[in-house]
Amino acid sequence: MSPEPARPRPAAAAPVPAGPRLDVYPLTGRRGFRAAGEVSLPTRVIWERALERAVREGEDVYYLELSALTFVDVAGAGVLADAARSLGEGRRLVLHRPPGSLPRVLDLLWPGLAGIEVSAS
């Protein structure tokens, strides 16, 4: 029997680029969540669920720590605006250190939206 011919070795697989991520964690010491990553089409369901919970919990003030968000698309801003509109009177979402474009998009497309307060500190 003759030896089997040598097979070429497969090329090393190139690393697959990771897709967009959005991680949401509860805050410690106050009602709210911390979001890290980006809000875009692949992560929108996570964003929607986190905001639905914020509305459902019924707190007067619900804090969103957004300093680790790198991007929020317009549809994600729309979900936030919808959540704010569905809050009862006197309730608000406090956005702590959101990406700079988010307050601008909210002001441009939903001017005078009650229920959202932006905190830069």
PDB file of N, CA and C in Angstrom:
ATOM      1  N   MET A   1       0.810  -1.173   0.000  1.00  0.00           N
ATOM      2  CA  MET A   1       0.000   0.000   0.000  1.00  0.00           C
ATOM      3  C   MET A   1       0.859   1.243   0.000  1.00  0.00           C
ATOM      4  N   SER A   2       0.462   2.184  -0.795  1.00  0.00           N
ATOM      5  CA  SER A   2       1.258   3.399  -0.857  1.00  0.00           C
ATOM      6  C   SER A   2       0.756   4.396   0.176  1.00  0.00           C
ATOM      7  N   PRO A   3       1.663   5.226   0.675  1.00  0.00           N
ATOM      8  CA  PRO A   3       1.258   6.207   1.699  1.00  0.00           C
ATOM      9  C   PRO A   3       0.279   7.229   1.107  1.00  0.00           C
ATOM     10  N   GLU A   4      -0.603   7.703   1.965  1.00  0.00           N
ATOM     11  CA  GLU A   4      -1.604   8.697   1.561  1.00  0.00           C
ATOM     12  C   GLU A   4      -0.896  10.029   1.312  1.00  0.00           C
ATOM     13  N   PRO A   5      -1.296  10.733   0.233  1.00  0.00           N
ATOM     14  CA  PRO A   5      -0.632  12.015  -0.038  1.00  0.00           C
ATOM     15  C   PRO A   5      -0.898  13.007   1.097  1.00  0.00           C
ATOM     16  N   ALA A   6       0.063  13.851   1.320  1.00  0.00           N
ATOM     17  CA  ALA A   6      -0.066  14.869   2.386  1.00  0.00           C
ATOM     18  C   ALA A   6      -1.183  15.847   2.030  1.00  0.00           C
ATOM     19  N   ARG A   7      -2.022  16.134   3.012  1.00  0.00           N
ATOM     20  CA  ARG A   7      -3.105  17.110   2.805  1.00  0.00           C
ATOM     21  C   ARG A   7      -2.629  18.474   3.258  1.00  0.00           C
ATOM     22  N   PRO A   8      -3.045  19.485   2.525  1.00  0.00           N
ATOM     23  CA  PRO A   8      -2.630  20.820   2.974  1.00  0.00           C
ATOM     24  C   PRO A   8      -3.303  21.143   4.305  1.00  0.00           C
ATOM     25  N   ARG A   9      -2.564  21.809   5.147  1.00  0.00           N
ATOM     26  CA  ARG A   9      -3.109  22.224   6.440  1.00  0.00           C
ATOM     27  C   ARG A   9      -4.064  23.387   6.227  1.00  0.00           C
ATOM     28  N   PRO A  10      -5.178  23.403   6.982  1.00  0.00           N
ATOM     29  CA  PRO A  10      -6.098  24.538   6.837  1.00  0.00           C
ATOM     30  C   PRO A  10      -5.433  25.812   7.337  1.00  0.00           C
ATOM     31  N   ALA A  11      -5.755  26.879   6.659  1.00  0.00           N
ATOM     32  CA  ALA A  11      -5.224  28.181   7.089  1.00  0.00           C
ATOM     33  C   ALA A  11      -5.824  28.516   8.451  1.00  0.00           C
ATOM     34  N   ALA A  12      -5.062  29.227   9.236  1.00  0.00           N
ATOM     35  CA  ALA A  12      -5.568  29.641  10.553  1.00  0.00           C
ATOM     36  C   ALA A  12      -6.803  30.511  10.339  1.00  0.00           C
ATOM     37  N   ALA A  13      -7.804  30.206  11.088  1.00  0.00           N
ATOM     38  CA  ALA A  13      -9.049  30.971  10.968  1.00  0.00           C
ATOM     39  C   ALA A  13      -8.824  32.391  11.467  1.00  0.00           C
ATOM     40  N   ALA A  14      -9.292  33.315  10.677  1.00  0.00           N
ATOM     41  CA  ALA A  14      -9.206  34.716  11.090  1.00  0.00           C
ATOM     42  C   ALA A  14     -10.223  34.950  12.202  1.00  0.00           C
ATOM     43  N   PRO A  15      -9.883  35.765  13.183  1.00  0.00           N
ATOM     44  CA  PRO A  15     -10.853  36.021  14.248  1.00  0.00           C
ATOM     45  C   PRO A  15     -12.109  36.680  13.687  1.00  0.00           C
ATOM     46  N   VAL A  16     -13.229  36.191  14.150  1.00  0.00           N
ATOM     47  CA  VAL A  16     -14.504  36.756  13.722  1.00  0.00           C
ATOM     48  C   VAL A  16     -14.748  38.021  14.520  1.00  0.00           C
ATOM     49  N   PRO A  17     -14.980  39.149  13.839  1.00  0.00           N
ATOM     50  CA  PRO A  17     -15.206  40.377  14.591  1.00  0.00           C
ATOM     51  C   PRO A  17     -16.475  40.252  15.432  1.00  0.00           C
ATOM     52  N   ALA A  18     -16.369  40.718  16.635  1.00  0.00           N
ATOM     53  CA  ALA A  18     -17.526  40.669  17.531  1.00  0.00           C
ATOM     54  C   ALA A  18     -18.573  41.671  17.057  1.00  0.00           C
ATOM     55  N   GLY A  19     -19.814  41.290  17.179  1.00  0.00           N
ATOM     56  CA  GLY A  19     -20.906  42.186  16.810  1.00  0.00           C
ATOM     57  C   GLY A  19     -21.134  43.208  17.900  1.00  0.00           C
ATOM     58  N   PRO A  20     -22.025  44.148  17.636  1.00  0.00           N
ATOM     59  CA  PRO A  20     -22.346  45.151  18.647  1.00  0.00           C
ATOM     60  C   PRO A  20     -22.893  44.483  19.907  1.00  0.00           C
ATOM     61  N   ARG A  21     -22.565  45.061  21.052  1.00  0.00           N
ATOM     62  CA  ARG A  21     -23.017  44.533  22.338  1.00  0.00           C
ATOM     63  C   ARG A  21     -23.690  45.630  23.128  1.00  0.00           C
ATOM     64  N   LEU A  22     -24.600  45.210  23.956  1.00  0.00           N
ATOM     65  CA  LEU A  22     -25.197  46.096  24.946  1.00  0.00           C
ATOM     66  C   LEU A  22     -25.375  45.281  26.209  1.00  0.00           C
ATOM     67  N   ASP A  23     -24.692  45.695  27.255  1.00  0.00           N
ATOM     68  CA  ASP A  23     -24.808  45.046  28.555  1.00  0.00           C
ATOM     69  C   ASP A  23     -25.555  45.986  29.484  1.00  0.00           C
ATOM     70  N   VAL A  24     -26.504  45.449  30.229  1.00  0.00           N
ATOM     71  CA  VAL A  24     -27.316  46.240  31.145  1.00  0.00           C
ATOM     72  C   VAL A  24     -27.218  45.604  32.525  1.00  0.00           C
ATOM     73  N   TYR A  25     -26.853  46.418  33.521  1.00  0.00           N
ATOM     74  CA  TYR A  25     -26.686  45.947  34.894  1.00  0.00           C
ATOM     75  C   TYR A  25     -27.497  46.828  35.832  1.00  0.00           C
ATOM     76  N   PRO A  26     -28.088  46.240  36.876  1.00  0.00           N
ATOM     77  CA  PRO A  26     -28.790  47.080  37.845  1.00  0.00           C
ATOM     78  C   PRO A  26     -27.809  47.959  38.605  1.00  0.00           C
ATOM     79  N   LEU A  27     -28.250  49.140  38.982  1.00  0.00           N
ATOM     80  CA  LEU A  27     -27.428  50.031  39.803  1.00  0.00           C
ATOM     81  C   LEU A  27     -27.476  49.568  41.254  1.00  0.00           C
ATOM     82  N   THR A  28     -26.443  49.878  41.975  1.00  0.00           N
ATOM     83  CA  THR A  28     -26.394  49.575  43.395  1.00  0.00           C
ATOM     84  C   THR A  28     -26.754  50.835  44.167  1.00  0.00           C
ATOM     85  N   GLY A  29     -27.696  50.717  45.075  1.00  0.00           N
ATOM     86  CA  GLY A  29     -28.018  51.842  45.943  1.00  0.00           C
ATOM     87  C   GLY A  29     -29.139  52.741  45.463  1.00  0.00           C
ATOM     88  N   ARG A  30     -29.582  52.581  44.243  1.00  0.00           N
ATOM     89  CA  ARG A  30     -30.722  53.354  43.746  1.00  0.00           C
ATOM     90  C   ARG A  30     -31.343  52.628  42.564  1.00  0.00           C
ATOM     91  N   ARG A  31     -32.583  52.944  42.277  1.00  0.00           N
ATOM     92  CA  ARG A  31     -33.307  52.297  41.199  1.00  0.00           C
ATOM     93  C   ARG A  31     -32.767  52.760  39.857  1.00  0.00           C
ATOM     94  N   GLY A  32     -32.448  51.807  39.022  1.00  0.00           N
ATOM     95  CA  GLY A  32     -31.983  52.147  37.695  1.00  0.00           C
ATOM     96  C   GLY A  32     -31.061  51.085  37.133  1.00  0.00           C
ATOM     97  N   PHE A  33     -30.462  51.417  35.992  1.00  0.00           N
ATOM     98  CA  PHE A  33     -29.518  50.491  35.378  1.00  0.00           C
ATOM     99  C   PHE A  33     -28.359  51.237  34.755  1.00  0.00           C
ATOM    100  N   ARG A  34     -27.286  50.488  34.542  1.00  0.00           N
ATOM    101  CA  ARG A  34     -26.093  50.971  33.848  1.00  0.00           C
ATOM    102  C   ARG A  34     -26.062  50.240  32.514  1.00  0.00           C
ATOM    103  N   ALA A  35     -25.895  50.983  31.437  1.00  0.00           N
ATOM    104  CA  ALA A  35     -25.810  50.391  30.104  1.00  0.00           C
ATOM    105  C   ALA A  35     -24.415  50.637  29.538  1.00  0.00           C
ATOM    106  N   ALA A  36     -23.838  49.600  28.944  1.00  0.00           N
ATOM    107  CA  ALA A  36     -22.506  49.696  28.346  1.00  0.00           C
ATOM    108  C   ALA A  36     -22.549  49.061  26.965  1.00  0.00           C
ATOM    109  N   GLY A  37     -21.961  49.739  26.002  1.00  0.00           N
ATOM    110  CA  GLY A  37     -21.925  49.228  24.636  1.00  0.00           C
ATOM    111  C   GLY A  37     -22.607  50.196  23.698  1.00  0.00           C
ATOM    112  N   GLU A  38     -23.439  49.652  22.811  1.00  0.00           N
ATOM    113  CA  GLU A  38     -24.134  50.516  21.866  1.00  0.00           C
ATOM    114  C   GLU A  38     -25.580  50.071  21.698  1.00  0.00           C
ATOM    115  N   VAL A  39     -26.416  51.051  21.391  1.00  0.00           N
ATOM    116  CA  VAL A  39     -27.819  50.786  21.096  1.00  0.00           C
ATOM    117  C   VAL A  39     -27.985  50.943  19.591  1.00  0.00           C
ATOM    118  N   SER A  40     -28.233  49.818  18.941  1.00  0.00           N
ATOM    119  CA  SER A  40     -28.421  49.799  17.483  1.00  0.00           C
ATOM    120  C   SER A  40     -29.325  48.608  17.170  1.00  0.00           C
ATOM    121  N   LEU A  41     -29.567  48.361  15.909  1.00  0.00           N
ATOM    122  CA  LEU A  41     -30.500  47.316  15.525  1.00  0.00           C
ATOM    123  C   LEU A  41     -30.213  45.971  16.209  1.00  0.00           C
ATOM    124  N   PRO A  42     -28.960  45.492  16.231  1.00  0.00           N
ATOM    125  CA  PRO A  42     -28.719  44.183  16.854  1.00  0.00           C
ATOM    126  C   PRO A  42     -28.937  44.159  18.379  1.00  0.00           C
ATOM    127  N   THR A  43     -28.911  45.300  19.024  1.00  0.00           N
ATOM    128  CA  THR A  43     -29.035  45.335  20.490  1.00  0.00           C
ATOM    129  C   THR A  43     -30.335  45.984  20.960  1.00  0.00           C
ATOM    130  N   ARG A  44     -31.181  46.393  20.043  1.00  0.00           N
ATOM    131  CA  ARG A  44     -32.371  47.161  20.404  1.00  0.00           C
ATOM    132  C   ARG A  44     -33.300  46.432  21.359  1.00  0.00           C
ATOM    133  N   VAL A  45     -33.469  45.117  21.213  1.00  0.00           N
ATOM    134  CA  VAL A  45     -34.377  44.368  22.087  1.00  0.00           C
ATOM    135  C   VAL A  45     -33.919  44.471  23.548  1.00  0.00           C
ATOM    136  N   ILE A  46     -32.632  44.417  23.784  1.00  0.00           N
ATOM    137  CA  ILE A  46     -32.099  44.541  25.144  1.00  0.00           C
ATOM    138  C   ILE A  46     -32.462  45.913  25.707  1.00  0.00           C
ATOM    139  N   TRP A  47     -32.272  46.957  24.917  1.00  0.00           N
ATOM    140  CA  TRP A  47     -32.583  48.338  25.304  1.00  0.00           C
ATOM    141  C   TRP A  47     -34.077  48.484  25.596  1.00  0.00           C
ATOM    142  N   GLU A  48     -34.907  47.949  24.711  1.00  0.00           N
ATOM    143  CA  GLU A  48     -36.360  48.038  24.900  1.00  0.00           C
ATOM    144  C   GLU A  48     -36.790  47.361  26.198  1.00  0.00           C
ATOM    145  N   ARG A  49     -36.268  46.177  26.469  1.00  0.00           N
ATOM    146  CA  ARG A  49     -36.635  45.454  27.693  1.00  0.00           C
ATOM    147  C   ARG A  49     -36.200  46.203  28.944  1.00  0.00           C
ATOM    148  N   ALA A  50     -35.011  46.782  28.911  1.00  0.00           N
ATOM    149  CA  ALA A  50     -34.528  47.537  30.075  1.00  0.00           C
ATOM    150  C   ALA A  50     -35.428  48.746  30.330  1.00  0.00           C
ATOM    151  N   LEU A  51     -35.834  49.432  29.276  1.00  0.00           N
ATOM    152  CA  LEU A  51     -36.694  50.601  29.447  1.00  0.00           C
ATOM    153  C   LEU A  51     -38.125  50.209  29.821  1.00  0.00           C
ATOM    154  N   GLU A  52     -38.610  49.100  29.301  1.00  0.00           N
ATOM    155  CA  GLU A  52     -39.930  48.609  29.711  1.00  0.00           C
ATOM    156  C   GLU A  52     -39.950  48.327  31.213  1.00  0.00           C
ATOM    157  N   ARG A  53     -38.875  47.748  31.694  1.00  0.00           N
ATOM    158  CA  ARG A  53     -38.782  47.473  33.137  1.00  0.00           C
ATOM    159  C   ARG A  53     -38.767  48.769  33.930  1.00  0.00           C
ATOM    160  N   ALA A  54     -38.047  49.765  33.437  1.00  0.00           N
ATOM    161  CA  ALA A  54     -37.994  51.065  34.119  1.00  0.00           C
ATOM    162  C   ALA A  54     -39.391  51.658  34.248  1.00  0.00           C
ATOM    163  N   VAL A  55     -40.163  51.584  33.195  1.00  0.00           N
ATOM    164  CA  VAL A  55     -41.527  52.124  33.213  1.00  0.00           C
ATOM    165  C   VAL A  55     -42.407  51.288  34.147  1.00  0.00           C
ATOM    166  N   ARG A  56     -42.288  50.000  34.063  1.00  0.00           N
ATOM    167  CA  ARG A  56     -43.115  49.079  34.836  1.00  0.00           C
ATOM    168  C   ARG A  56     -42.857  49.173  36.340  1.00  0.00           C
ATOM    169  N   GLU A  57     -41.623  49.449  36.739  1.00  0.00           N
ATOM    170  CA  GLU A  57     -41.293  49.464  38.159  1.00  0.00           C
ATOM    171  C   GLU A  57     -41.987  50.589  38.914  1.00  0.00           C
ATOM    172  N   GLY A  58     -42.362  51.646  38.233  1.00  0.00           N
ATOM    173  CA  GLY A  58     -43.181  52.670  38.855  1.00  0.00           C
ATOM    174  C   GLY A  58     -42.474  53.629  39.795  1.00  0.00           C
ATOM    175  N   GLU A  59     -41.161  53.669  39.768  1.00  0.00           N
ATOM    176  CA  GLU A  59     -40.434  54.611  40.624  1.00  0.00           C
ATOM    177  C   GLU A  59     -40.630  56.040  40.123  1.00  0.00           C
ATOM    178  N   ASP A  60     -40.642  57.002  41.055  1.00  0.00           N
ATOM    179  CA  ASP A  60     -40.750  58.410  40.648  1.00  0.00           C
ATOM    180  C   ASP A  60     -39.531  58.838  39.839  1.00  0.00           C
ATOM    181  N   VAL A  61     -38.359  58.377  40.277  1.00  0.00           N
ATOM    182  CA  VAL A  61     -37.100  58.698  39.593  1.00  0.00           C
ATOM    183  C   VAL A  61     -36.382  57.381  39.305  1.00  0.00           C
ATOM    184  N   TYR A  62     -36.015  57.193  38.064  1.00  0.00           N
ATOM    185  CA  TYR A  62     -35.314  55.986  37.648  1.00  0.00           C
ATOM    186  C   TYR A  62     -34.042  56.440  36.942  1.00  0.00           C
ATOM    187  N   TYR A  63     -32.888  55.960  37.412  1.00  0.00           N
ATOM    188  CA  TYR A  63     -31.590  56.435  36.924  1.00  0.00           C
ATOM    189  C   TYR A  63     -31.037  55.512  35.841  1.00  0.00           C
ATOM    190  N   LEU A  64     -30.555  56.125  34.774  1.00  0.00           N
ATOM    191  CA  LEU A  64     -29.887  55.404  33.696  1.00  0.00           C
ATOM    192  C   LEU A  64     -28.459  55.913  33.596  1.00  0.00           C
ATOM    193  N   GLU A  65     -27.511  55.101  34.036  1.00  0.00           N
ATOM    194  CA  GLU A  65     -26.090  55.440  33.954  1.00  0.00           C
ATOM    195  C   GLU A  65     -25.629  55.054  32.559  1.00  0.00           C
ATOM    196  N   LEU A  66     -25.368  56.064  31.723  1.00  0.00           N
ATOM    197  CA  LEU A  66     -25.098  55.830  30.305  1.00  0.00           C
ATOM    198  C   LEU A  66     -23.687  56.233  29.877  1.00  0.00           C
ATOM    199  N   SER A  67     -22.797  56.478  30.822  1.00  0.00           N
ATOM    200  CA  SER A  67     -21.456  56.949  30.465  1.00  0.00           C
ATOM    201  C   SER A  67     -20.659  55.922  29.664  1.00  0.00           C
ATOM    202  N   ALA A  68     -21.023  54.645  29.743  1.00  0.00           N
ATOM    203  CA  ALA A  68     -20.301  53.610  28.997  1.00  0.00           C
ATOM    204  C   ALA A  68     -20.966  53.269  27.668  1.00  0.00           C
ATOM    205  N   LEU A  69     -22.004  54.027  27.287  1.00  0.00           N
ATOM    206  CA  LEU A  69     -22.587  53.832  25.960  1.00  0.00           C
ATOM    207  C   LEU A  69     -21.724  54.557  24.936  1.00  0.00           C
ATOM    208  N   THR A  70     -21.440  53.896  23.849  1.00  0.00           N
ATOM    209  CA  THR A  70     -20.630  54.526  22.796  1.00  0.00           C
ATOM    210  C   THR A  70     -21.490  55.085  21.672  1.00  0.00           C
ATOM    211  N   PHE A  71     -22.743  54.597  21.568  1.00  0.00           N
ATOM    212  CA  PHE A  71     -23.579  55.002  20.448  1.00  0.00           C
ATOM    213  C   PHE A  71     -25.031  54.665  20.756  1.00  0.00           C
ATOM    214  N   VAL A  72     -25.935  55.553  20.366  1.00  0.00           N
ATOM    215  CA  VAL A  72     -27.373  55.288  20.415  1.00  0.00           C
ATOM    216  C   VAL A  72     -27.941  55.747  19.083  1.00  0.00           C
ATOM    217  N   ASP A  73     -28.511  54.819  18.321  1.00  0.00           N
ATOM    218  CA  ASP A  73     -29.086  55.221  17.034  1.00  0.00           C
ATOM    219  C   ASP A  73     -30.416  55.945  17.256  1.00  0.00           C
ATOM    220  N   VAL A  74     -30.964  56.512  16.204  1.00  0.00           N
ATOM    221  CA  VAL A  74     -32.190  57.308  16.317  1.00  0.00           C
ATOM    222  C   VAL A  74     -33.352  56.445  16.789  1.00  0.00           C
ATOM    223  N   ALA A  75     -33.431  55.214  16.318  1.00  0.00           N
ATOM    224  CA  ALA A  75     -34.512  54.332  16.771  1.00  0.00           C
ATOM    225  C   ALA A  75     -34.387  54.055  18.268  1.00  0.00           C
ATOM    226  N   GLY A  76     -33.162  53.914  18.769  1.00  0.00           N
ATOM    227  CA  GLY A  76     -32.948  53.723  20.207  1.00  0.00           C
ATOM    228  C   GLY A  76     -33.359  54.956  20.992  1.00  0.00           C
ATOM    229  N   ALA A  77     -33.093  56.137  20.443  1.00  0.00           N
ATOM    230  CA  ALA A  77     -33.551  57.377  21.077  1.00  0.00           C
ATOM    231  C   ALA A  77     -35.073  57.425  21.078  1.00  0.00           C
ATOM    232  N   GLY A  78     -35.688  56.922  20.010  1.00  0.00           N
ATOM    233  CA  GLY A  78     -37.143  56.878  19.933  1.00  0.00           C
ATOM    234  C   GLY A  78     -37.742  55.967  20.988  1.00  0.00           C
ATOM    235  N   VAL A  79     -37.102  54.847  21.253  1.00  0.00           N
ATOM    236  CA  VAL A  79     -37.564  53.932  22.298  1.00  0.00           C
ATOM    237  C   VAL A  79     -37.491  54.631  23.657  1.00  0.00           C
ATOM    238  N   LEU A  80     -36.423  55.386  23.872  1.00  0.00           N
ATOM    239  CA  LEU A  80     -36.283  56.148  25.117  1.00  0.00           C
ATOM    240  C   LEU A  80     -37.379  57.208  25.224  1.00  0.00           C
ATOM    241  N   ALA A  81     -37.650  57.907  24.129  1.00  0.00           N
ATOM    242  CA  ALA A  81     -38.711  58.917  24.122  1.00  0.00           C
ATOM    243  C   ALA A  81     -40.068  58.273  24.402  1.00  0.00           C
ATOM    244  N   ASP A  82     -40.332  57.119  23.811  1.00  0.00           N
ATOM    245  CA  ASP A  82     -41.591  56.410  24.064  1.00  0.00           C
ATOM    246  C   ASP A  82     -41.713  56.024  25.532  1.00  0.00           C
ATOM    247  N   ALA A  83     -40.626  55.561  26.116  1.00  0.00           N
ATOM    248  CA  ALA A  83     -40.645  55.186  27.530  1.00  0.00           C
ATOM    249  C   ALA A  83     -40.956  56.407  28.388  1.00  0.00           C
ATOM    250  N   ALA A  84     -40.332  57.536  28.081  1.00  0.00           N
ATOM    251  CA  ALA A  84     -40.569  58.763  28.856  1.00  0.00           C
ATOM    252  C   ALA A  84     -42.019  59.215  28.723  1.00  0.00           C
ATOM    253  N   ARG A  85     -42.580  59.097  27.515  1.00  0.00           N
ATOM    254  CA  ARG A  85     -43.977  59.493  27.309  1.00  0.00           C
ATOM    255  C   ARG A  85     -44.952  58.583  28.043  1.00  0.00           C
ATOM    256  N   SER A  86     -44.551  57.350  28.316  1.00  0.00           N
ATOM    257  CA  SER A  86     -45.458  56.419  28.988  1.00  0.00           C
ATOM    258  C   SER A  86     -45.366  56.487  30.515  1.00  0.00           C
ATOM    259  N   LEU A  87     -44.462  57.315  31.036  1.00  0.00           N
ATOM    260  CA  LEU A  87     -44.366  57.497  32.484  1.00  0.00           C
ATOM    261  C   LEU A  87     -45.569  58.295  32.975  1.00  0.00           C
ATOM    262  N   GLY A  88     -45.968  58.028  34.184  1.00  0.00           N
ATOM    263  CA  GLY A  88     -47.046  58.817  34.770  1.00  0.00           C
ATOM    264  C   GLY A  88     -46.552  60.206  35.149  1.00  0.00           C
ATOM    265  N   GLU A  89     -47.498  61.067  35.461  1.00  0.00           N
ATOM    266  CA  GLU A  89     -47.178  62.445  35.859  1.00  0.00           C
ATOM    267  C   GLU A  89     -46.222  62.452  37.048  1.00  0.00           C
ATOM    268  N   GLY A  90     -45.215  63.296  36.969  1.00  0.00           N
ATOM    269  CA  GLY A  90     -44.259  63.448  38.058  1.00  0.00           C
ATOM    270  C   GLY A  90     -43.126  62.437  38.056  1.00  0.00           C
ATOM    271  N   ARG A  91     -43.171  61.465  37.162  1.00  0.00           N
ATOM    272  CA  ARG A  91     -42.095  60.480  37.077  1.00  0.00           C
ATOM    273  C   ARG A  91     -41.086  60.930  36.021  1.00  0.00           C
ATOM    274  N   ARG A  92     -39.834  60.502  36.213  1.00  0.00           N
ATOM    275  CA  ARG A  92     -38.824  60.875  35.219  1.00  0.00           C
ATOM    276  C   ARG A  92     -37.698  59.854  35.161  1.00  0.00           C
ATOM    277  N   LEU A  93     -37.056  59.826  34.016  1.00  0.00           N
ATOM    278  CA  LEU A  93     -35.839  59.058  33.800  1.00  0.00           C
ATOM    279  C   LEU A  93     -34.684  60.044  33.848  1.00  0.00           C
ATOM    280  N   VAL A  94     -33.702  59.770  34.669  1.00  0.00           N
ATOM    281  CA  VAL A  94     -32.527  60.637  34.764  1.00  0.00           C
ATOM    282  C   VAL A  94     -31.396  59.958  34.004  1.00  0.00           C
ATOM    283  N   LEU A  95     -30.955  60.603  32.932  1.00  0.00           N
ATOM    284  CA  LEU A  95     -29.865  60.083  32.110  1.00  0.00           C
ATOM    285  C   LEU A  95     -28.558  60.656  32.631  1.00  0.00           C
ATOM    286  N   HIS A  96     -27.736  59.799  33.203  1.00  0.00           N
ATOM    287  CA  HIS A  96     -26.454  60.255  33.738  1.00  0.00           C
ATOM    288  C   HIS A  96     -25.360  60.031  32.697  1.00  0.00           C
ATOM    289  N   ARG A  97     -24.761  61.141  32.267  1.00  0.00           N
ATOM    290  CA  ARG A  97     -23.647  61.161  31.316  1.00  0.00           C
ATOM    291  C   ARG A  97     -23.910  60.345  30.046  1.00  0.00           C
ATOM    292  N   PRO A  98     -25.003  60.673  29.333  1.00  0.00           N
ATOM    293  CA  PRO A  98     -25.278  59.963  28.071  1.00  0.00           C
ATOM    294  C   PRO A  98     -24.290  60.400  26.992  1.00  0.00           C
ATOM    295  N   PRO A  99     -24.178  59.618  25.910  1.00  0.00           N
ATOM    296  CA  PRO A  99     -23.357  60.078  24.787  1.00  0.00           C
ATOM    297  C   PRO A  99     -23.877  61.447  24.334  1.00  0.00           C
ATOM    298  N   GLY A 100     -22.970  62.328  23.946  1.00  0.00           N
ATOM    299  CA  GLY A 100     -23.331  63.698  23.596  1.00  0.00           C
ATOM    300  C   GLY A 100     -24.412  63.829  22.543  1.00  0.00           C
ATOM    301  N   SER A 101     -24.475  62.895  21.633  1.00  0.00           N
ATOM    302  CA  SER A 101     -25.469  62.986  20.561  1.00  0.00           C
ATOM    303  C   SER A 101     -26.884  62.674  21.055  1.00  0.00           C
ATOM    304  N   LEU A 102     -27.029  61.904  22.114  1.00  0.00           N
ATOM    305  CA  LEU A 102     -28.362  61.499  22.554  1.00  0.00           C
ATOM    306  C   LEU A 102     -29.230  62.680  22.992  1.00  0.00           C
ATOM    307  N   PRO A 103     -28.772  63.567  23.876  1.00  0.00           N
ATOM    308  CA  PRO A 103     -29.614  64.718  24.220  1.00  0.00           C
ATOM    309  C   PRO A 103     -29.928  65.601  23.017  1.00  0.00           C
ATOM    310  N   ARG A 104     -28.969  65.734  22.090  1.00  0.00           N
ATOM    311  CA  ARG A 104     -29.212  66.553  20.898  1.00  0.00           C
ATOM    312  C   ARG A 104     -30.299  65.943  20.021  1.00  0.00           C
ATOM    313  N   VAL A 105     -30.264  64.624  19.836  1.00  0.00           N
ATOM    314  CA  VAL A 105     -31.285  63.951  19.035  1.00  0.00           C
ATOM    315  C   VAL A 105     -32.640  64.067  19.723  1.00  0.00           C
ATOM    316  N   LEU A 106     -32.683  63.878  21.031  1.00  0.00           N
ATOM    317  CA  LEU A 106     -33.945  64.010  21.766  1.00  0.00           C
ATOM    318  C   LEU A 106     -34.511  65.421  21.629  1.00  0.00           C
ATOM    319  N   ASP A 107     -33.649  66.434  21.773  1.00  0.00           N
ATOM    320  CA  ASP A 107     -34.105  67.824  21.646  1.00  0.00           C
ATOM    321  C   ASP A 107     -34.574  68.147  20.227  1.00  0.00           C
ATOM    322  N   LEU A 108     -33.913  67.579  19.244  1.00  0.00           N
ATOM    323  CA  LEU A 108     -34.255  67.846  17.852  1.00  0.00           C
ATOM    324  C   LEU A 108     -35.563  67.169  17.441  1.00  0.00           C
ATOM    325  N   LEU A 109     -35.709  65.895  17.784  1.00  0.00           N
ATOM    326  CA  LEU A 109     -36.859  65.132  17.313  1.00  0.00           C
ATOM    327  C   LEU A 109     -38.033  65.087  18.291  1.00  0.00           C
ATOM    328  N   TRP A 110     -37.745  65.271  19.572  1.00  0.00           N
ATOM    329  CA  TRP A 110     -38.793  65.255  20.592  1.00  0.00           C
ATOM    330  C   TRP A 110     -38.603  66.459  21.518  1.00  0.00           C
ATOM    331  N   PRO A 111     -38.710  67.676  20.989  1.00  0.00           N
ATOM    332  CA  PRO A 111     -38.459  68.869  21.825  1.00  0.00           C
ATOM    333  C   PRO A 111     -39.483  68.966  22.965  1.00  0.00           C
ATOM    334  N   GLY A 112     -38.992  69.399  24.101  1.00  0.00           N
ATOM    335  CA  GLY A 112     -39.863  69.611  25.254  1.00  0.00           C
ATOM    336  C   GLY A 112     -40.401  68.333  25.855  1.00  0.00           C
ATOM    337  N   LEU A 113     -39.747  67.220  25.606  1.00  0.00           N
ATOM    338  CA  LEU A 113     -40.204  65.933  26.111  1.00  0.00           C
ATOM    339  C   LEU A 113     -40.116  65.895  27.626  1.00  0.00           C
ATOM    340  N   ALA A 114     -41.262  65.774  28.267  1.00  0.00           N
ATOM    341  CA  ALA A 114     -41.274  65.655  29.732  1.00  0.00           C
ATOM    342  C   ALA A 114     -40.877  64.231  30.095  1.00  0.00           C
ATOM    343  N   GLY A 115     -40.338  64.068  31.266  1.00  0.00           N
ATOM    344  CA  GLY A 115     -40.013  62.728  31.742  1.00  0.00           C
ATOM    345  C   GLY A 115     -38.564  62.338  31.577  1.00  0.00           C
ATOM    346  N   ILE A 116     -37.762  63.217  30.955  1.00  0.00           N
ATOM    347  CA  ILE A 116     -36.325  62.933  30.819  1.00  0.00           C
ATOM    348  C   ILE A 116     -35.545  64.104  31.379  1.00  0.00           C
ATOM    349  N   GLU A 117     -34.594  63.785  32.223  1.00  0.00           N
ATOM    350  CA  GLU A 117     -33.678  64.779  32.767  1.00  0.00           C
ATOM    351  C   GLU A 117     -32.266  64.300  32.446  1.00  0.00           C
ATOM    352  N   VAL A 118     -31.425  65.188  31.940  1.00  0.00           N
ATOM    353  CA  VAL A 118     -30.048  64.827  31.615  1.00  0.00           C
ATOM    354  C   VAL A 118     -29.136  65.396  32.686  1.00  0.00           C
ATOM    355  N   SER A 119     -28.306  64.518  33.259  1.00  0.00           N
ATOM    356  CA  SER A 119     -27.362  64.897  34.280  1.00  0.00           C
ATOM    357  C   SER A 119     -25.956  64.643  33.767  1.00  0.00           C
ATOM    358  N   ALA A 120     -25.158  65.690  33.716  1.00  0.00           N
ATOM    359  CA  ALA A 120     -23.775  65.547  33.213  1.00  0.00           C
ATOM    360  C   ALA A 120     -22.791  65.235  34.323  1.00  0.00           C
ATOM    361  N   SER A 121     -23.200  65.388  35.569  1.00  0.00           N
ATOM    362  CA  SER A 121     -22.246  65.167  36.681  1.00  0.00           C
ATOM    363  C   SER A 121     -22.205  63.729  37.110  1.00  0.00           C
TER     364      SER A 121
END
